[in-house]
């Protein structure tokens, strides 16, 4: 094989500080755009991005040159900086320190993408898939 072909997919979940409902209105919209822009800048393809007021789900295709840790670090830093310096500088915004990341096979992409797209509904109806909602503890 003469060229590199990489098909690495990750489903990443992380929350706001103390699971505070910080992702609302303009803050949510701009934070999501910031996450997407940071991924593009690193060569990562966003396949799905969603969540509710206190946490984010990101389904991403990773480039050969970036680790999950690098991508998460960059998107969390960029989006938190935007929230605290541009969107609402007089309002508290912070991500939790940890995150959860799960490898995803190509056959799982469609169901996970759909799950992320319907986060509000899943939370409202308590139809959550526990393994896709796990987050790291900040103990």
N, C-alpha and C. Protein backbone atom coordinates (compact mmCIF):
# COMPACT_ATOMS: atom_id res chain seq x y z
N UNK A 1 0.86 -1.18 0.00
CA UNK A 1 0.00 0.00 0.00
C UNK A 1 0.90 1.23 0.00
N UNK A 2 0.65 2.12 -0.92
CA UNK A 2 1.51 3.29 -1.08
C UNK A 2 1.02 4.52 -0.32
N UNK A 3 -0.22 4.53 0.04
CA UNK A 3 -0.71 5.70 0.78
C UNK A 3 -1.29 5.27 2.11
N UNK A 4 -1.39 6.21 2.98
CA UNK A 4 -1.92 5.94 4.32
C UNK A 4 -3.42 6.10 4.31
N UNK A 5 -4.11 5.14 4.87
CA UNK A 5 -5.56 5.22 5.01
C UNK A 5 -5.88 4.97 6.47
N UNK A 6 -6.50 5.93 7.10
CA UNK A 6 -6.83 5.82 8.51
C UNK A 6 -8.34 5.98 8.68
N UNK A 7 -8.93 5.04 9.39
CA UNK A 7 -10.36 5.11 9.71
C UNK A 7 -10.50 4.83 11.20
N UNK A 8 -10.16 5.83 12.01
CA UNK A 8 -10.24 5.74 13.46
C UNK A 8 -11.34 6.68 13.94
N UNK A 9 -12.31 6.10 14.61
CA UNK A 9 -13.45 6.87 15.08
C UNK A 9 -13.54 6.79 16.60
N UNK A 10 -13.88 7.91 17.23
CA UNK A 10 -14.03 7.94 18.68
C UNK A 10 -15.31 8.67 19.06
N UNK A 11 -15.98 8.15 20.06
CA UNK A 11 -17.13 8.80 20.69
C UNK A 11 -16.62 9.33 22.02
N UNK A 12 -16.62 10.65 22.17
CA UNK A 12 -16.05 11.28 23.36
C UNK A 12 -17.17 12.01 24.11
N UNK A 13 -17.16 11.87 25.43
CA UNK A 13 -18.16 12.50 26.28
C UNK A 13 -17.45 13.24 27.41
N UNK A 14 -17.85 14.48 27.63
CA UNK A 14 -17.33 15.22 28.79
C UNK A 14 -18.37 16.21 29.28
N UNK A 15 -18.23 16.60 30.52
CA UNK A 15 -19.25 17.45 31.12
C UNK A 15 -18.74 18.81 31.54
N UNK A 16 -19.68 19.63 31.89
CA UNK A 16 -19.37 20.94 32.45
C UNK A 16 -18.95 20.75 33.91
N UNK A 17 -18.32 21.74 34.46
CA UNK A 17 -17.86 21.69 35.85
C UNK A 17 -19.03 21.41 36.78
N UNK A 18 -18.89 20.40 37.63
CA UNK A 18 -19.94 20.00 38.59
C UNK A 18 -21.28 19.74 37.91
N UNK A 19 -21.24 19.43 36.62
CA UNK A 19 -22.46 19.17 35.83
C UNK A 19 -23.45 20.34 35.91
N UNK A 20 -22.91 21.54 35.96
CA UNK A 20 -23.75 22.74 35.96
C UNK A 20 -24.37 22.91 34.57
N UNK A 21 -25.59 23.41 34.48
CA UNK A 21 -26.26 23.59 33.18
C UNK A 21 -25.76 24.85 32.46
N UNK A 22 -24.53 24.78 31.95
CA UNK A 22 -23.88 25.95 31.35
C UNK A 22 -24.07 26.04 29.84
N UNK A 23 -24.48 24.95 29.20
CA UNK A 23 -24.60 24.93 27.74
C UNK A 23 -26.03 25.26 27.33
N UNK A 24 -26.32 26.55 27.31
CA UNK A 24 -27.65 27.03 26.96
C UNK A 24 -27.52 28.24 26.03
N UNK A 25 -28.54 28.44 25.23
CA UNK A 25 -28.62 29.62 24.38
C UNK A 25 -27.40 29.88 23.51
N UNK A 26 -26.98 31.13 23.50
CA UNK A 26 -25.85 31.57 22.68
C UNK A 26 -24.56 30.87 23.09
N UNK A 27 -24.39 30.60 24.37
CA UNK A 27 -23.18 29.91 24.83
C UNK A 27 -23.10 28.54 24.18
N UNK A 28 -24.19 27.79 24.20
CA UNK A 28 -24.20 26.46 23.60
C UNK A 28 -23.87 26.53 22.11
N UNK A 29 -24.53 27.41 21.41
CA UNK A 29 -24.34 27.53 19.96
C UNK A 29 -22.89 27.86 19.63
N UNK A 30 -22.32 28.81 20.32
CA UNK A 30 -20.94 29.24 20.02
C UNK A 30 -19.91 28.23 20.48
N UNK A 31 -20.15 27.56 21.61
CA UNK A 31 -19.24 26.52 22.08
C UNK A 31 -19.21 25.37 21.06
N UNK A 32 -20.36 24.97 20.56
CA UNK A 32 -20.41 23.90 19.56
C UNK A 32 -19.63 24.31 18.31
N UNK A 33 -19.83 25.53 17.85
CA UNK A 33 -19.08 26.00 16.67
C UNK A 33 -17.59 26.01 16.93
N UNK A 34 -17.19 26.38 18.14
CA UNK A 34 -15.78 26.39 18.49
C UNK A 34 -15.19 24.98 18.48
N UNK A 35 -15.94 24.03 18.99
CA UNK A 35 -15.50 22.63 18.98
C UNK A 35 -15.32 22.15 17.55
N UNK A 36 -16.28 22.45 16.71
CA UNK A 36 -16.18 22.05 15.30
C UNK A 36 -14.97 22.69 14.63
N UNK A 37 -14.75 23.97 14.88
CA UNK A 37 -13.61 24.68 14.27
C UNK A 37 -12.28 24.11 14.75
N UNK A 38 -12.19 23.80 16.04
CA UNK A 38 -10.95 23.23 16.57
C UNK A 38 -10.67 21.87 15.95
N UNK A 39 -11.70 21.08 15.75
CA UNK A 39 -11.53 19.77 15.10
C UNK A 39 -11.03 19.95 13.67
N UNK A 40 -11.64 20.83 12.93
CA UNK A 40 -11.22 21.09 11.55
C UNK A 40 -9.76 21.53 11.52
N UNK A 41 -9.39 22.40 12.42
CA UNK A 41 -8.01 22.89 12.49
C UNK A 41 -7.01 21.76 12.70
N UNK A 42 -7.42 20.71 13.41
CA UNK A 42 -6.53 19.58 13.68
C UNK A 42 -6.66 18.46 12.65
N UNK A 43 -7.56 18.63 11.69
CA UNK A 43 -7.75 17.60 10.68
C UNK A 43 -8.68 16.49 11.11
N UNK A 44 -9.43 16.71 12.17
CA UNK A 44 -10.40 15.73 12.65
C UNK A 44 -11.76 16.07 12.05
N UNK A 45 -12.47 15.04 11.63
CA UNK A 45 -13.79 15.24 11.02
C UNK A 45 -14.90 15.01 12.04
N UNK A 46 -15.70 16.03 12.28
CA UNK A 46 -16.83 15.89 13.21
C UNK A 46 -17.96 15.18 12.49
N UNK A 47 -18.35 14.03 13.02
CA UNK A 47 -19.46 13.27 12.44
C UNK A 47 -20.76 13.54 13.18
N UNK A 48 -20.66 13.88 14.45
CA UNK A 48 -21.84 14.26 15.25
C UNK A 48 -21.36 15.03 16.46
N UNK A 49 -22.16 16.01 16.84
CA UNK A 49 -21.88 16.82 18.03
C UNK A 49 -23.21 17.19 18.65
N UNK A 50 -23.36 16.87 19.91
CA UNK A 50 -24.61 17.18 20.59
C UNK A 50 -24.46 17.01 22.08
N UNK A 51 -25.56 17.15 22.76
CA UNK A 51 -25.55 17.00 24.20
C UNK A 51 -26.72 17.72 24.81
N UNK A 52 -26.61 17.98 26.08
CA UNK A 52 -27.62 18.73 26.82
C UNK A 52 -26.90 19.81 27.62
N UNK A 53 -27.59 20.42 28.54
CA UNK A 53 -27.06 21.59 29.24
C UNK A 53 -25.78 21.33 30.03
N UNK A 54 -25.52 20.08 30.39
CA UNK A 54 -24.38 19.81 31.26
C UNK A 54 -23.33 18.86 30.70
N UNK A 55 -23.48 18.42 29.46
CA UNK A 55 -22.43 17.59 28.87
C UNK A 55 -22.50 17.55 27.35
N UNK A 56 -21.39 17.13 26.77
CA UNK A 56 -21.19 17.09 25.31
C UNK A 56 -20.92 15.66 24.87
N UNK A 57 -21.42 15.33 23.68
CA UNK A 57 -21.04 14.10 22.98
C UNK A 57 -20.43 14.52 21.65
N UNK A 58 -19.28 13.95 21.33
CA UNK A 58 -18.60 14.24 20.08
C UNK A 58 -18.23 12.92 19.42
N UNK A 59 -18.69 12.72 18.20
CA UNK A 59 -18.28 11.58 17.38
C UNK A 59 -17.36 12.13 16.31
N UNK A 60 -16.14 11.64 16.29
CA UNK A 60 -15.12 12.25 15.45
C UNK A 60 -14.28 11.19 14.76
N UNK A 61 -13.90 11.49 13.54
CA UNK A 61 -12.92 10.67 12.81
C UNK A 61 -11.56 11.32 13.05
N UNK A 62 -10.66 10.56 13.63
CA UNK A 62 -9.36 11.09 13.99
C UNK A 62 -8.37 10.99 12.83
N UNK A 63 -7.56 12.02 12.65
CA UNK A 63 -6.52 11.93 11.63
C UNK A 63 -5.37 11.07 12.14
N UNK A 64 -4.53 10.62 11.24
CA UNK A 64 -3.40 9.77 11.61
C UNK A 64 -2.41 10.49 12.53
N UNK A 65 -2.44 11.80 12.50
CA UNK A 65 -1.44 12.58 13.23
C UNK A 65 -1.88 13.06 14.61
N UNK A 66 -3.09 12.71 15.04
CA UNK A 66 -3.60 13.22 16.33
C UNK A 66 -4.14 12.08 17.19
N UNK A 67 -3.93 12.21 18.49
CA UNK A 67 -4.49 11.25 19.44
C UNK A 67 -5.82 11.79 19.96
N UNK A 68 -6.59 10.93 20.57
CA UNK A 68 -7.84 11.35 21.21
C UNK A 68 -7.54 12.42 22.25
N UNK A 69 -6.50 12.20 23.05
CA UNK A 69 -6.15 13.16 24.11
C UNK A 69 -5.85 14.54 23.53
N UNK A 70 -5.12 14.60 22.43
CA UNK A 70 -4.81 15.90 21.80
C UNK A 70 -6.07 16.59 21.32
N UNK A 71 -6.94 15.85 20.66
CA UNK A 71 -8.17 16.44 20.13
C UNK A 71 -9.04 16.96 21.27
N UNK A 72 -9.24 16.16 22.30
CA UNK A 72 -10.09 16.58 23.42
C UNK A 72 -9.48 17.79 24.12
N UNK A 73 -8.20 17.76 24.37
CA UNK A 73 -7.54 18.89 25.04
C UNK A 73 -7.75 20.18 24.24
N UNK A 74 -7.54 20.10 22.94
CA UNK A 74 -7.65 21.30 22.11
C UNK A 74 -9.09 21.82 22.04
N UNK A 75 -10.06 20.92 21.87
CA UNK A 75 -11.45 21.40 21.75
C UNK A 75 -11.95 21.95 23.09
N UNK A 76 -11.54 21.33 24.19
CA UNK A 76 -11.97 21.85 25.49
C UNK A 76 -11.33 23.20 25.78
N UNK A 77 -10.03 23.33 25.49
CA UNK A 77 -9.36 24.62 25.72
C UNK A 77 -9.95 25.72 24.84
N UNK A 78 -10.11 25.45 23.55
CA UNK A 78 -10.62 26.47 22.63
C UNK A 78 -12.04 26.91 23.00
N UNK A 79 -12.90 25.94 23.31
CA UNK A 79 -14.29 26.29 23.60
C UNK A 79 -14.43 26.98 24.96
N UNK A 80 -13.65 26.57 25.95
CA UNK A 80 -13.72 27.23 27.25
C UNK A 80 -13.18 28.66 27.15
N UNK A 81 -12.12 28.83 26.39
CA UNK A 81 -11.56 30.18 26.21
C UNK A 81 -12.60 31.08 25.55
N UNK A 82 -13.24 30.58 24.52
CA UNK A 82 -14.26 31.36 23.84
C UNK A 82 -15.39 31.73 24.80
N UNK A 83 -15.86 30.76 25.56
CA UNK A 83 -16.98 31.01 26.48
C UNK A 83 -16.62 32.03 27.55
N UNK A 84 -15.41 31.95 28.08
CA UNK A 84 -15.04 32.83 29.19
C UNK A 84 -14.52 34.19 28.75
N UNK A 85 -14.10 34.32 27.50
CA UNK A 85 -13.53 35.59 27.05
C UNK A 85 -14.38 36.35 26.04
N UNK A 86 -15.24 35.63 25.31
CA UNK A 86 -16.02 36.31 24.27
C UNK A 86 -17.52 36.22 24.48
N UNK A 87 -18.02 35.01 24.70
CA UNK A 87 -19.47 34.81 24.75
C UNK A 87 -20.06 35.42 26.02
N UNK A 88 -19.53 35.05 27.17
CA UNK A 88 -20.07 35.54 28.44
C UNK A 88 -18.94 35.75 29.43
N UNK A 89 -18.13 36.78 29.23
CA UNK A 89 -16.96 36.98 30.09
C UNK A 89 -17.29 37.20 31.57
N UNK A 90 -18.49 37.62 31.88
CA UNK A 90 -18.86 37.86 33.27
C UNK A 90 -19.57 36.65 33.90
N UNK A 91 -19.62 35.54 33.14
CA UNK A 91 -20.32 34.35 33.61
C UNK A 91 -19.34 33.20 33.75
N UNK A 92 -19.54 32.37 34.76
CA UNK A 92 -18.68 31.21 35.00
C UNK A 92 -18.88 30.17 33.90
N UNK A 93 -17.78 29.66 33.36
CA UNK A 93 -17.82 28.52 32.44
C UNK A 93 -16.54 27.73 32.60
N UNK A 94 -16.69 26.43 32.78
CA UNK A 94 -15.53 25.56 32.90
C UNK A 94 -15.96 24.13 32.58
N UNK A 95 -15.07 23.38 31.93
CA UNK A 95 -15.30 21.96 31.69
C UNK A 95 -14.77 21.17 32.87
N UNK A 96 -15.32 19.97 33.06
CA UNK A 96 -14.73 19.05 34.03
C UNK A 96 -13.34 18.67 33.53
N UNK A 97 -12.50 18.19 34.40
CA UNK A 97 -11.14 17.85 34.01
C UNK A 97 -11.03 16.61 33.15
N UNK A 98 -11.89 15.65 33.34
CA UNK A 98 -11.78 14.38 32.63
C UNK A 98 -12.70 14.28 31.43
N UNK A 99 -12.67 13.12 30.82
CA UNK A 99 -13.56 12.81 29.71
C UNK A 99 -13.60 11.29 29.56
N UNK A 100 -14.53 10.81 28.79
CA UNK A 100 -14.60 9.39 28.45
C UNK A 100 -14.51 9.29 26.94
N UNK A 101 -13.77 8.32 26.45
CA UNK A 101 -13.63 8.13 25.00
C UNK A 101 -13.76 6.65 24.68
N UNK A 102 -14.51 6.36 23.63
CA UNK A 102 -14.78 4.99 23.23
C UNK A 102 -14.46 4.83 21.75
N UNK A 103 -13.76 3.76 21.41
CA UNK A 103 -13.51 3.49 20.00
C UNK A 103 -14.81 3.03 19.36
N UNK A 104 -14.98 3.38 18.10
CA UNK A 104 -16.21 3.10 17.39
C UNK A 104 -15.87 2.44 16.06
N UNK A 105 -16.52 1.33 15.78
CA UNK A 105 -16.37 0.68 14.49
C UNK A 105 -17.28 1.32 13.46
N UNK A 106 -16.96 1.13 12.19
CA UNK A 106 -17.76 1.77 11.13
C UNK A 106 -19.22 1.36 11.18
N UNK A 107 -19.51 0.13 11.59
CA UNK A 107 -20.90 -0.32 11.66
C UNK A 107 -21.68 0.35 12.79
N UNK A 108 -20.98 0.96 13.74
CA UNK A 108 -21.63 1.64 14.86
C UNK A 108 -21.85 3.13 14.61
N UNK A 109 -21.31 3.66 13.54
CA UNK A 109 -21.37 5.10 13.31
C UNK A 109 -22.80 5.62 13.22
N UNK A 110 -23.64 4.98 12.44
CA UNK A 110 -25.01 5.48 12.26
C UNK A 110 -25.80 5.48 13.56
N UNK A 111 -25.80 4.39 14.35
CA UNK A 111 -26.57 4.44 15.60
C UNK A 111 -26.03 5.46 16.61
N UNK A 112 -24.73 5.62 16.68
CA UNK A 112 -24.18 6.61 17.61
C UNK A 112 -24.47 8.02 17.13
N UNK A 113 -24.35 8.25 15.84
CA UNK A 113 -24.68 9.56 15.28
C UNK A 113 -26.14 9.91 15.60
N UNK A 114 -27.03 8.96 15.43
CA UNK A 114 -28.45 9.18 15.71
C UNK A 114 -28.67 9.44 17.20
N UNK A 115 -27.99 8.69 18.04
CA UNK A 115 -28.11 8.86 19.49
C UNK A 115 -27.68 10.27 19.90
N UNK A 116 -26.58 10.73 19.35
CA UNK A 116 -26.07 12.06 19.68
C UNK A 116 -27.03 13.13 19.17
N UNK A 117 -27.59 12.94 17.99
CA UNK A 117 -28.51 13.92 17.42
C UNK A 117 -29.78 14.08 18.25
N UNK A 118 -30.13 13.06 19.02
CA UNK A 118 -31.37 13.09 19.80
C UNK A 118 -31.12 13.10 21.31
N UNK A 119 -30.05 13.75 21.73
CA UNK A 119 -29.70 13.79 23.14
C UNK A 119 -30.81 14.35 24.03
N UNK A 120 -31.37 15.47 23.66
CA UNK A 120 -32.40 16.09 24.50
C UNK A 120 -33.58 15.13 24.69
N UNK A 121 -33.98 14.48 23.64
CA UNK A 121 -35.09 13.53 23.71
C UNK A 121 -34.74 12.34 24.59
N UNK A 122 -33.54 11.79 24.44
CA UNK A 122 -33.12 10.64 25.26
C UNK A 122 -33.11 11.01 26.74
N UNK A 123 -32.64 12.20 27.06
CA UNK A 123 -32.62 12.62 28.46
C UNK A 123 -34.03 12.88 28.98
N UNK A 124 -34.86 13.48 28.17
CA UNK A 124 -36.24 13.77 28.59
C UNK A 124 -37.02 12.48 28.82
N UNK A 125 -36.83 11.47 27.96
CA UNK A 125 -37.59 10.22 28.04
C UNK A 125 -36.88 9.14 28.85
N UNK A 126 -35.70 9.46 29.38
CA UNK A 126 -34.88 8.48 30.11
C UNK A 126 -34.61 7.24 29.26
N UNK A 127 -34.33 7.46 27.99
CA UNK A 127 -34.00 6.35 27.08
C UNK A 127 -32.50 6.37 26.77
N UNK A 128 -31.71 6.60 27.79
CA UNK A 128 -30.26 6.71 27.64
C UNK A 128 -29.62 5.34 27.49
N UNK A 129 -28.53 5.30 26.78
CA UNK A 129 -27.71 4.10 26.69
C UNK A 129 -26.52 4.34 27.62
N UNK A 130 -26.52 3.62 28.73
CA UNK A 130 -25.57 3.88 29.82
C UNK A 130 -24.13 3.92 29.35
N UNK A 131 -23.73 2.98 28.53
CA UNK A 131 -22.32 2.95 28.11
C UNK A 131 -21.94 4.14 27.22
N UNK A 132 -22.91 4.79 26.62
CA UNK A 132 -22.62 5.97 25.79
C UNK A 132 -22.75 7.26 26.60
N UNK A 133 -23.13 7.16 27.84
CA UNK A 133 -23.28 8.33 28.70
C UNK A 133 -22.20 8.42 29.76
N UNK A 134 -21.34 7.43 29.83
CA UNK A 134 -20.31 7.39 30.86
C UNK A 134 -19.36 8.56 30.73
N UNK A 135 -18.96 9.07 31.86
CA UNK A 135 -17.94 10.13 31.90
C UNK A 135 -16.91 9.79 32.95
N UNK A 136 -15.76 10.38 32.82
CA UNK A 136 -14.72 10.17 33.81
C UNK A 136 -15.10 10.92 35.09
N UNK A 137 -14.72 10.37 36.21
CA UNK A 137 -14.93 11.04 37.49
C UNK A 137 -13.77 12.00 37.74
N UNK A 138 -14.05 13.12 38.37
CA UNK A 138 -13.02 14.09 38.72
C UNK A 138 -12.69 13.99 40.20
N UNK A 139 -12.38 12.83 40.65
CA UNK A 139 -12.08 12.65 42.08
C UNK A 139 -10.63 12.85 42.36
